[in-house]
Amino acid sequence: MADLDQVKKEKDFFTNIPMETPGFFLRGAGSFDWGMKNRLARIFSPSSGRTVMLAIDHGYFQGPTSGLERIDLTIVPLVPQADALMLTRGILRSTIPPSANKAIVIRASGGPSILKELSNEEIAVDIEDAIRMNVSAMAVQVYVGSEFETKTIRNMTKLVDAGLRYGMPVLAVTAVGKEMVRDAKYFRLACRICAELGAQFVKTYYVAEDFDTVTASCPVPIVMAGGKKLPELDALTMAYKAVQEGAAGVDMGRNIFQSDAPSAMMTAVTKVVHENMEPKHALELYKELKNKKR
């Protein structure tokens, strides 16, 4: 049995030494099958090794979130600017044009609404339907430390098993409930568990202190969650710091579609993620594009 007392307290994450990626441009993916790598290369740019995902799956437990009331009017025009879309199969089939030809990360877990215990989720999409929709990855919520922790981890491992049979990557989303602490120690634990049990990439939140230890200790790519709506400069700064500290991109929703100028914000975030543009310059670009639109 593991020593829970942790006699040795010191840890060295070697944050200054990048993990080698033999066989493929993404960390931890060198031994994957061709189909798995191909799907990941749709999501992550082979030139930068990063991604800008547009998250619009909030409705699966929140209903018509502000900014997502009419996805056909507010989101579809933004699709060409994203590397990938994270959404539900209902919205994909009903609203997103098949001609968009973007990488799709399908929300594959669900069940409770915001009125119930969110961690009590089930697998909500069959692997065969994901293949039918030609998606690039399946996303599952994992609630480490929650009431239904084991259940959500089991949801993930079931999808990982199915994905390995068909070359389908699984994105594990580290959920944070009301009682969970948002710090590097928690996210190191949650992200590492997801990677250890087979997730091909992980989505987690940025923390100002020691985020580089979260990315360094996770052997697969980490995508930063956008979280709640922030002022544009704060959101751009968060994205910049995340990728500089080892994240392989961002999955932003509210900081895009709840912005005063969503298209301009998409452009600014893309510059930050793929071209390392500094936040102050990205904000200037955002303002310029916003004024031009007006």
Protein backbone atom coordinates (compact mmCIF):
# COMPACT_ATOMS: atom_id res chain seq x y z
CA MET A 1 0.00 0.00 0.00
CA ALA A 2 1.21 3.51 -0.81
CA ASP A 3 2.71 5.57 1.97
CA LEU A 4 0.04 8.21 2.50
CA ASP A 5 2.20 10.06 5.00
CA GLN A 6 4.57 11.06 2.20
CA VAL A 7 7.79 10.87 4.25
CA LYS A 8 9.68 12.63 1.50
CA LYS A 9 8.02 16.02 1.01
CA GLU A 10 10.26 17.45 -1.69
CA LYS A 11 9.25 17.01 -5.31
CA ASP A 12 11.08 17.97 -8.48
CA PHE A 13 8.93 18.42 -11.58
CA PHE A 14 11.86 19.48 -13.81
CA THR A 15 9.72 22.27 -15.24
CA ASN A 16 12.72 23.62 -17.16
CA ILE A 17 13.17 20.40 -19.15
CA PRO A 18 10.54 19.78 -21.87
CA MET A 19 9.29 16.23 -22.28
CA GLU A 20 10.65 14.60 -25.44
CA THR A 21 8.06 13.58 -28.04
CA PRO A 22 9.61 10.93 -30.30
CA GLY A 23 7.43 9.76 -33.16
CA PHE A 24 4.91 12.60 -33.05
CA PHE A 25 4.71 16.30 -32.24
CA LEU A 26 2.41 15.88 -29.22
CA ARG A 27 3.75 14.71 -25.88
CA GLY A 28 2.91 11.17 -24.93
CA ALA A 29 1.45 10.33 -28.35
CA GLY A 30 4.39 8.68 -30.07
CA SER A 31 3.07 5.14 -29.61
CA PHE A 32 -0.51 5.81 -30.68
CA ASP A 33 -1.99 4.26 -33.81
CA TRP A 34 -2.09 6.25 -37.06
CA GLY A 35 -5.79 7.00 -36.77
CA MET A 36 -5.42 8.31 -33.22
CA LYS A 37 -2.55 10.56 -34.27
CA ASN A 38 -4.46 11.79 -37.30
CA ARG A 39 -7.44 12.79 -35.17
CA LEU A 40 -5.18 14.58 -32.68
CA ALA A 41 -3.47 16.40 -35.57
CA ARG A 42 -6.88 17.78 -36.58
CA ILE A 43 -7.28 19.31 -33.11
CA PHE A 44 -3.70 20.45 -32.50
CA SER A 45 -1.77 22.39 -35.14
CA PRO A 46 1.29 20.38 -36.24
CA SER A 47 3.17 23.66 -36.79
CA SER A 48 2.64 25.15 -33.32
CA GLY A 49 1.67 22.00 -31.40
CA ARG A 50 -1.23 23.95 -29.90
CA THR A 51 -4.96 24.40 -30.31
CA VAL A 52 -7.66 27.03 -29.88
CA MET A 53 -10.85 25.14 -29.11
CA LEU A 54 -14.19 26.93 -28.94
CA ALA A 55 -16.26 25.48 -26.10
CA ILE A 56 -20.02 25.70 -26.66
CA ASP A 57 -21.18 22.60 -24.77
CA HIS A 58 -22.47 24.49 -21.71
CA GLY A 59 -26.10 23.78 -22.55
CA TYR A 60 -25.78 20.08 -21.75
CA PHE A 61 -26.29 20.92 -18.08
CA GLN A 62 -26.96 24.69 -17.99
CA GLY A 63 -29.54 25.07 -20.74
CA PRO A 64 -29.41 28.19 -22.96
CA THR A 65 -26.38 29.93 -21.48
CA SER A 66 -25.96 33.66 -22.17
CA GLY A 67 -24.39 33.96 -25.59
CA LEU A 68 -25.56 30.51 -26.65
CA GLU A 69 -29.28 31.26 -26.94
CA ARG A 70 -29.04 31.14 -30.76
CA ILE A 71 -25.97 29.19 -31.76
CA ASP A 72 -26.88 29.51 -35.42
CA LEU A 73 -26.54 33.30 -35.15
CA THR A 74 -23.79 33.81 -32.57
CA ILE A 75 -21.51 30.78 -32.91
CA VAL A 76 -21.66 29.50 -36.48
CA PRO A 77 -19.97 32.70 -37.80
CA LEU A 78 -17.05 32.03 -35.43
CA VAL A 79 -16.49 28.43 -36.50
CA PRO A 80 -13.96 29.20 -39.29
CA GLN A 81 -11.65 30.85 -36.72
CA ALA A 82 -11.45 27.88 -34.35
CA ASP A 83 -9.11 24.90 -34.59
CA ALA A 84 -11.76 22.71 -32.97
CA LEU A 85 -15.26 22.89 -31.54
CA MET A 86 -16.25 21.32 -28.24
CA LEU A 87 -20.00 20.70 -28.29
CA THR A 88 -22.81 18.20 -27.94
CA ARG A 89 -24.04 15.90 -30.67
CA GLY A 90 -27.44 17.59 -30.61
CA ILE A 91 -25.96 20.97 -31.50
CA LEU A 92 -23.55 19.41 -34.01
CA ARG A 93 -26.31 17.73 -35.96
CA SER A 94 -28.92 20.46 -35.66
CA THR A 95 -26.86 23.61 -36.09
CA ILE A 96 -23.24 23.23 -37.28
CA PRO A 97 -22.87 23.05 -41.10
CA PRO A 98 -21.08 19.86 -42.19
CA SER A 99 -19.16 22.01 -44.65
CA ALA A 100 -17.41 23.72 -41.71
CA ASN A 101 -14.80 20.94 -41.82
CA LYS A 102 -13.45 21.62 -38.34
CA ALA A 103 -12.16 19.20 -35.72
CA ILE A 104 -15.01 18.17 -33.43
CA VAL A 105 -14.60 17.24 -29.76
CA ILE A 106 -17.94 15.77 -28.76
CA ARG A 107 -19.29 16.02 -25.23
CA ALA A 108 -19.75 12.35 -24.36
CA SER A 109 -20.83 12.49 -20.71
CA GLY A 110 -23.91 13.95 -19.09
CA GLY A 111 -26.99 13.35 -17.00
CA PRO A 112 -27.64 15.78 -14.17
CA SER A 113 -28.52 19.43 -14.65
CA ILE A 114 -27.36 22.35 -12.52
CA LEU A 115 -30.32 21.50 -10.27
CA LYS A 116 -28.73 18.20 -9.16
CA GLU A 117 -25.37 16.74 -8.11
CA LEU A 118 -23.24 17.35 -11.22
CA SER A 119 -20.78 14.53 -10.57
CA ASN A 120 -23.48 11.88 -11.00
CA GLU A 121 -22.81 11.60 -14.74
CA GLU A 122 -23.08 8.71 -17.18
CA ILE A 123 -21.64 8.09 -20.63
CA ALA A 124 -24.05 9.85 -22.97
CA VAL A 125 -22.65 9.06 -26.45
CA ASP A 126 -21.84 5.68 -27.93
CA ILE A 127 -18.48 5.27 -29.68
CA GLU A 128 -20.21 4.14 -32.87
CA ASP A 129 -22.21 7.37 -33.00
CA ALA A 130 -19.02 9.37 -32.48
CA ILE A 131 -17.47 7.58 -35.46
CA ARG A 132 -20.66 8.15 -37.46
CA MET A 133 -20.30 11.87 -36.81
CA ASN A 134 -16.62 11.74 -37.81
CA VAL A 135 -15.52 13.46 -34.62
CA SER A 136 -11.89 13.93 -33.63
CA ALA A 137 -12.23 13.20 -29.90
CA MET A 138 -14.72 12.40 -27.15
CA ALA A 139 -14.81 14.49 -23.96
CA VAL A 140 -15.79 13.16 -20.55
CA GLN A 141 -16.08 14.97 -17.23
CA VAL A 142 -13.98 13.57 -14.36
CA TYR A 143 -14.80 14.69 -10.82
CA VAL A 144 -11.76 13.78 -8.72
CA GLY A 145 -12.66 14.28 -5.07
CA SER A 146 -16.42 14.39 -5.63
CA GLU A 147 -19.23 12.19 -4.35
CA PHE A 148 -19.26 10.18 -7.59
CA GLU A 149 -15.52 10.28 -8.28
CA THR A 150 -15.16 6.56 -9.04
CA LYS A 151 -18.18 6.59 -11.33
CA THR A 152 -16.82 9.45 -13.44
CA ILE A 153 -13.38 7.86 -13.64
CA ARG A 154 -15.03 4.64 -14.76
CA ASN A 155 -16.92 6.60 -17.42
CA MET A 156 -13.56 7.83 -18.70
CA THR A 157 -11.89 4.40 -18.72
CA LYS A 158 -14.83 2.90 -20.60
CA LEU A 159 -14.46 5.55 -23.29
CA VAL A 160 -10.68 5.07 -23.36
CA ASP A 161 -11.15 1.33 -23.94
CA ALA A 162 -13.62 1.97 -26.77
CA GLY A 163 -11.42 4.71 -28.20
CA LEU A 164 -8.38 2.47 -28.33
CA ARG A 165 -10.37 -0.05 -30.36
CA TYR A 166 -11.32 2.56 -32.95
CA GLY A 167 -8.52 5.13 -32.86
CA MET A 168 -10.61 7.75 -31.03
CA PRO A 169 -8.86 10.08 -28.54
CA VAL A 170 -10.49 10.84 -25.20
CA LEU A 171 -10.34 14.25 -23.57
CA ALA A 172 -10.66 14.08 -19.78
CA VAL A 173 -12.10 17.28 -18.31
CA THR A 174 -11.07 17.84 -14.70
CA ALA A 175 -14.25 19.16 -13.12
CA VAL A 176 -14.23 21.37 -10.06
CA GLY A 177 -17.22 21.11 -7.75
CA LYS A 178 -18.30 23.58 -5.11
CA GLU A 179 -16.25 21.91 -2.38
CA MET A 180 -13.04 21.38 -4.35
CA VAL A 181 -9.95 23.56 -3.98
CA ARG A 182 -8.63 25.16 -7.15
CA ASP A 183 -4.88 24.94 -6.69
CA ALA A 184 -1.91 23.29 -8.36
CA LYS A 185 -1.86 20.42 -5.88
CA TYR A 186 -5.44 19.43 -6.77
CA PHE A 187 -4.95 19.81 -10.51
CA ARG A 188 -1.70 17.83 -10.43
CA LEU A 189 -3.64 15.03 -8.77
CA ALA A 190 -6.64 15.18 -11.13
CA CYS A 191 -4.68 15.56 -14.37
CA ARG A 192 -2.19 12.83 -13.50
CA ILE A 193 -4.97 10.38 -12.60
CA CYS A 194 -6.66 11.03 -15.95
CA ALA A 195 -3.41 10.51 -17.86
CA GLU A 196 -2.43 7.43 -15.86
CA LEU A 197 -5.77 5.81 -16.68
CA GLY A 198 -5.45 6.44 -20.39
CA ALA A 199 -6.84 9.83 -21.44
CA GLN A 200 -5.02 11.10 -24.53
CA PHE A 201 -5.30 14.74 -23.44
CA VAL A 202 -6.66 16.64 -20.47
CA LYS A 203 -8.58 19.88 -20.00
CA THR A 204 -8.01 21.72 -16.74
CA TYR A 205 -8.07 25.17 -15.19
CA TYR A 206 -5.22 27.63 -14.96
CA VAL A 207 -3.89 28.60 -11.54
CA ALA A 208 -1.55 31.52 -10.98
CA GLU A 209 0.83 29.60 -8.72
CA ASP A 210 2.77 26.54 -9.94
CA PHE A 211 0.71 25.84 -13.05
CA ASP A 212 3.94 24.71 -14.73
CA THR A 213 4.09 21.82 -12.25
CA VAL A 214 0.64 20.72 -13.42
CA THR A 215 1.69 20.59 -17.07
CA ALA A 216 5.13 19.11 -16.30
CA SER A 217 3.71 16.24 -14.25
CA CYS A 218 1.07 15.29 -16.84
CA PRO A 219 2.54 13.09 -19.60
CA VAL A 220 -0.14 14.04 -22.15
CA PRO A 221 -1.14 17.48 -23.51
CA ILE A 222 -3.08 19.82 -21.24
CA VAL A 223 -5.61 22.27 -22.66
CA MET A 224 -6.53 25.21 -20.46
CA ALA A 225 -10.22 25.74 -19.67
CA GLY A 226 -11.41 29.30 -20.17
CA GLY A 227 -13.71 29.34 -17.15
CA LYS A 228 -15.88 32.29 -16.21
CA LYS A 229 -16.05 35.51 -18.21
CA LEU A 230 -13.12 37.83 -17.50
CA PRO A 231 -12.13 41.24 -18.83
CA GLU A 232 -10.45 40.76 -22.20
CA LEU A 233 -6.94 41.60 -20.99
CA ASP A 234 -7.26 39.18 -18.08
CA ALA A 235 -8.46 36.39 -20.37
CA LEU A 236 -5.65 37.00 -22.86
CA THR A 237 -3.10 37.13 -20.05
CA MET A 238 -4.39 33.85 -18.62
CA ALA A 239 -4.14 32.18 -22.03
CA TYR A 240 -0.63 33.55 -22.57
CA LYS A 241 0.63 32.41 -19.19
CA ALA A 242 -0.93 28.98 -19.63
CA VAL A 243 0.80 28.22 -22.93
CA GLN A 244 4.09 29.73 -21.73
CA GLU A 245 3.88 27.41 -18.72
CA GLY A 246 3.32 24.29 -20.77
CA ALA A 247 -0.31 24.13 -21.86
CA ALA A 248 -0.91 22.88 -25.39
CA GLY A 249 -3.66 25.40 -26.04
CA VAL A 250 -6.95 26.64 -24.68
CA ASP A 251 -10.60 25.65 -24.75
CA MET A 252 -12.46 28.93 -24.31
CA GLY A 253 -16.17 29.54 -24.32
CA ARG A 254 -17.59 32.41 -22.29
CA ASN A 255 -14.47 34.55 -22.75
CA ILE A 256 -15.18 34.33 -26.49
CA PHE A 257 -18.92 34.28 -27.04
CA GLN A 258 -19.74 36.62 -24.14
CA SER A 259 -17.19 39.16 -25.33
CA ASP A 260 -18.39 42.44 -26.85
CA ALA A 261 -16.64 41.39 -30.07
CA PRO A 262 -16.40 37.58 -30.23
CA SER A 263 -14.70 37.41 -33.63
CA ALA A 264 -12.06 39.93 -32.59
CA MET A 265 -11.48 38.01 -29.36
CA MET A 266 -11.07 34.76 -31.29
CA THR A 267 -8.40 36.40 -33.43
CA ALA A 268 -6.58 37.80 -30.40
CA VAL A 269 -6.63 34.48 -28.54
CA THR A 270 -5.36 32.67 -31.65
CA LYS A 271 -2.43 35.08 -31.90
CA VAL A 272 -1.58 34.51 -28.25
CA VAL A 273 -1.76 30.72 -28.47
CA HIS A 274 -0.21 30.02 -31.86
CA GLU A 275 2.16 32.99 -32.23
CA ASN A 276 3.04 33.82 -28.60
CA MET A 277 1.73 37.36 -28.98
CA GLU A 278 1.98 39.21 -25.68
CA PRO A 279 -1.34 40.04 -24.00
CA LYS A 280 -0.99 43.82 -24.28
CA HIS A 281 -0.46 43.57 -28.04
CA ALA A 282 -3.28 41.06 -28.37
CA LEU A 283 -5.58 43.48 -26.54
CA GLU A 284 -4.60 46.25 -28.95
CA LEU A 285 -5.42 43.94 -31.84
CA TYR A 286 -8.76 43.07 -30.23
CA LYS A 287 -9.67 46.74 -29.84
CA GLU A 288 -8.62 47.54 -33.38
CA LEU A 289 -10.72 44.73 -34.85
CA LYS A 290 -13.64 45.61 -32.56
CA ASN A 291 -13.64 49.24 -33.70
CA LYS A 292 -13.27 48.23 -37.33
CA LYS A 293 -16.29 45.97 -37.02
CA ARG A 294 -18.32 48.84 -35.66
